[in-house]
Amino acid sequence: MLIYSVTACLTFSFITHVFLQDQSARKDDLKAWLFIAFAAAIWPLTLPNMVRKIVTKSFQHQHKSRDAAPQSGTFFAYETLRK
């Protein structure tokens, strides 16, 4: 039970971080926060999908970076979820 709770808290913090970075999202909407809590509670279903999206976007970004000229700035994997 402890592992489930810790992973749910980590998932909640990750989703919350991405949510707070979104400029267009209303931060005072109770439904949004309930959805984030629900997504964290069912992390065995949501976490693998989030990881898959991050890895796919990261590979695509690396592939584009190799083909294009060197770009300045650092690419963070969690930035893909904001798009």
C-alpha atoms as a PDB file:
ATOM      1  CA  MET A   1       0.000   0.000   0.000  1.00  0.00           C
ATOM      2  CA  LEU A   2       2.912   2.319   0.740  1.00  0.00           C
ATOM      3  CA  ILE A   3       4.371   1.908  -2.757  1.00  0.00           C
ATOM      4  CA  TYR A   4       0.987   2.643  -4.321  1.00  0.00           C
ATOM      5  CA  SER A   5       0.557   5.799  -2.210  1.00  0.00           C
ATOM      6  CA  VAL A   6       4.065   7.088  -2.867  1.00  0.00           C
ATOM      7  CA  THR A   7       3.731   6.537  -6.604  1.00  0.00           C
ATOM      8  CA  ALA A   8       0.315   8.219  -6.594  1.00  0.00           C
ATOM      9  CA  CYS A   9       1.795  11.236  -4.798  1.00  0.00           C
ATOM     10  CA  LEU A  10       4.667  11.444  -7.277  1.00  0.00           C
ATOM     11  CA  THR A  11       2.249  11.180 -10.181  1.00  0.00           C
ATOM     12  CA  PHE A  12       0.064  13.877  -8.624  1.00  0.00           C
ATOM     13  CA  SER A  13       3.045  16.182  -8.215  1.00  0.00           C
ATOM     14  CA  PHE A  14       4.153  15.622 -11.814  1.00  0.00           C
ATOM     15  CA  ILE A  15       0.678  16.263 -13.230  1.00  0.00           C
ATOM     16  CA  THR A  16       0.270  19.298 -10.974  1.00  0.00           C
ATOM     17  CA  HIS A  17       3.600  20.715 -12.121  1.00  0.00           C
ATOM     18  CA  VAL A  18       2.588  20.421 -15.777  1.00  0.00           C
ATOM     19  CA  PHE A  19      -0.869  21.844 -14.999  1.00  0.00           C
ATOM     20  CA  LEU A  20       0.582  24.861 -13.223  1.00  0.00           C
ATOM     21  CA  GLN A  21       2.910  25.549 -16.157  1.00  0.00           C
ATOM     22  CA  ASP A  22      -0.077  25.748 -18.527  1.00  0.00           C
ATOM     23  CA  GLN A  23      -0.923  29.422 -18.964  1.00  0.00           C
ATOM     24  CA  SER A  24      -4.369  28.798 -20.448  1.00  0.00           C
ATOM     25  CA  ALA A  25      -5.696  26.531 -17.675  1.00  0.00           C
ATOM     26  CA  ARG A  26      -7.862  27.974 -14.928  1.00  0.00           C
ATOM     27  CA  LYS A  27      -6.183  27.210 -11.626  1.00  0.00           C
ATOM     28  CA  ASP A  28      -9.329  27.805  -9.556  1.00  0.00           C
ATOM     29  CA  ASP A  29     -11.463  25.200 -11.359  1.00  0.00           C
ATOM     30  CA  LEU A  30     -12.450  22.470  -8.896  1.00  0.00           C
ATOM     31  CA  LYS A  31     -13.206  19.993 -11.700  1.00  0.00           C
ATOM     32  CA  ALA A  32      -9.652  20.277 -13.018  1.00  0.00           C
ATOM     33  CA  TRP A  33      -8.187  19.538  -9.589  1.00  0.00           C
ATOM     34  CA  LEU A  34     -10.567  16.600  -9.091  1.00  0.00           C
ATOM     35  CA  PHE A  35      -9.512  15.223 -12.463  1.00  0.00           C
ATOM     36  CA  ILE A  36      -5.843  15.558 -11.508  1.00  0.00           C
ATOM     37  CA  ALA A  37      -6.518  13.719  -8.240  1.00  0.00           C
ATOM     38  CA  PHE A  38      -8.431  11.013 -10.118  1.00  0.00           C
ATOM     39  CA  ALA A  39      -5.627  10.624 -12.672  1.00  0.00           C
ATOM     40  CA  ALA A  40      -3.118  10.275  -9.850  1.00  0.00           C
ATOM     41  CA  ALA A  41      -5.294   7.719  -8.076  1.00  0.00           C
ATOM     42  CA  ILE A  42      -5.417   5.508 -11.153  1.00  0.00           C
ATOM     43  CA  TRP A  43      -1.685   5.910 -11.836  1.00  0.00           C
ATOM     44  CA  PRO A  44      -1.218   2.290 -12.985  1.00  0.00           C
ATOM     45  CA  LEU A  45      -3.207   3.295 -16.073  1.00  0.00           C
ATOM     46  CA  THR A  46      -2.151   6.911 -16.539  1.00  0.00           C
ATOM     47  CA  LEU A  47       1.555   6.790 -15.685  1.00  0.00           C
ATOM     48  CA  PRO A  48       2.585   4.340 -18.455  1.00  0.00           C
ATOM     49  CA  ASN A  49       0.758   6.482 -21.011  1.00  0.00           C
ATOM     50  CA  MET A  50       2.498   9.654 -19.802  1.00  0.00           C
ATOM     51  CA  VAL A  51       5.881   7.937 -19.927  1.00  0.00           C
ATOM     52  CA  ARG A  52       5.161   6.645 -23.438  1.00  0.00           C
ATOM     53  CA  LYS A  53       4.296  10.167 -24.623  1.00  0.00           C
ATOM     54  CA  ILE A  54       7.423  11.647 -23.075  1.00  0.00           C
ATOM     55  CA  VAL A  55       9.704   9.007 -24.565  1.00  0.00           C
ATOM     56  CA  THR A  56       8.099   9.280 -28.015  1.00  0.00           C
ATOM     57  CA  LYS A  57       8.348  13.072 -28.054  1.00  0.00           C
ATOM     58  CA  SER A  58      11.922  12.915 -26.777  1.00  0.00           C
ATOM     59  CA  PHE A  59      12.935  10.525 -29.566  1.00  0.00           C
ATOM     60  CA  GLN A  60      11.213  12.712 -32.145  1.00  0.00           C
ATOM     61  CA  HIS A  61      12.982  15.795 -30.786  1.00  0.00           C
ATOM     62  CA  GLN A  62      16.361  14.031 -30.877  1.00  0.00           C
ATOM     63  CA  HIS A  63      15.733  12.896 -34.428  1.00  0.00           C
ATOM     64  CA  LYS A  64      14.805  16.433 -35.536  1.00  0.00           C
ATOM     65  CA  SER A  65      17.829  17.848 -33.715  1.00  0.00           C
ATOM     66  CA  ARG A  66      20.155  15.564 -35.627  1.00  0.00           C
ATOM     67  CA  ASP A  67      18.656  16.599 -38.949  1.00  0.00           C
ATOM     68  CA  ALA A  68      18.550  20.326 -38.192  1.00  0.00           C
ATOM     69  CA  ALA A  69      21.297  22.710 -37.254  1.00  0.00           C
ATOM     70  CA  PRO A  70      22.412  22.713 -33.621  1.00  0.00           C
ATOM     71  CA  GLN A  71      19.823  24.426 -31.456  1.00  0.00           C
ATOM     72  CA  SER A  72      20.477  26.475 -28.386  1.00  0.00           C
ATOM     73  CA  GLY A  73      18.699  25.762 -25.154  1.00  0.00           C
ATOM     74  CA  THR A  74      18.006  22.614 -23.219  1.00  0.00           C
ATOM     75  CA  PHE A  75      15.128  20.270 -23.974  1.00  0.00           C
ATOM     76  CA  PHE A  76      13.285  18.931 -20.959  1.00  0.00           C
ATOM     77  CA  ALA A  77      11.151  15.838 -21.407  1.00  0.00           C
ATOM     78  CA  TYR A  78       8.209  17.201 -19.405  1.00  0.00           C
ATOM     79  CA  GLU A  79       7.860  20.109 -21.877  1.00  0.00           C
ATOM     80  CA  THR A  80       6.211  17.683 -24.297  1.00  0.00           C
ATOM     81  CA  LEU A  81       3.184  17.362 -22.032  1.00  0.00           C
ATOM     82  CA  ARG A  82       2.534  21.101 -22.149  1.00  0.00           C
ATOM     83  CA  LYS A  83       2.058  20.986 -25.920  1.00  0.00           C
END
